Amino acid sequence: MTARMALPVPGEQAKVLLHSCCAPCSGEVIEAMQASGLDLTIYFYNPNIHPRQEYDLRKDENIRFAEKLNIPFIDADYDTDNWFERVKGLEWEPERGARCTQCFDMRFERTALYGHENGFSLFTSCLGISRWKNMEQINDCGRRAAARYPGMEYWDYNWRKNGGSNRMIEISKRENFYQQEYCGCIYSLRDTNKHRRETGRPNIAIGEKFYGAEEPV
């Protein structure tokens, strides 16, 4: 196990609202926060995830891990209609493009609102720990959402560094988390399956792959 360093919390704040997209991405972030003695609440708002079966799998895994560690978990439910309206006209944008910006904006705006209304002045997200994501794009969206509310700050910590990315995989294998194989939205699923077919691989089988399996990840 790679050694973990104490987190440099902005303003030495102890209370943090974590926007979580899934258990694999949040596992290391959660454990790092706990190791640093932070008062953590998980906020799950991901109306982009499609289909409902995939959404429920990701949420239930996140709840399972939160309950194991006795961490409060806020379920903001499945706001799909508003998400589709938000990304209308961006259906053919590539990953990391304008559609993803709108998606991050929408999720972080709701997170910042919840934080503002419930006594938080600091929020962050585990989205940036994935090497598949554009960290600066995510952080820009987080800062933009925080700016909507006086006194709210987005913590743009690089969760990949100091061994964070490696520990993410270690924790996922240890906990036998469900291993999602695409970002989450219907357009990501479409494009990922297209690439798989072009490279001779079968379409994604939702609900079948877990990090704890013997097959290498």
Foldseek 3Di string as FASTA:
>chain_A
DFDADQDPDVVPAQEEEEEEAFCLLCVLVVVNSVVNNHQYAYEYDQLQFDDPLQVVQRVVLVVVVCVVVVHHYHYPDHPNVVLCVQCPPVLPPDPQDPNVLSRLLVSLLVSLVVCLVPPHQEYEYSVQLDPSYDLVSNVVSNQVSQVVDPSHHYDSDRCNPSPNNVVSLVVQQVSFGADDDFPGHPSRLVVVQVVCVVVPHHRDDPPDDTSNDPDHD
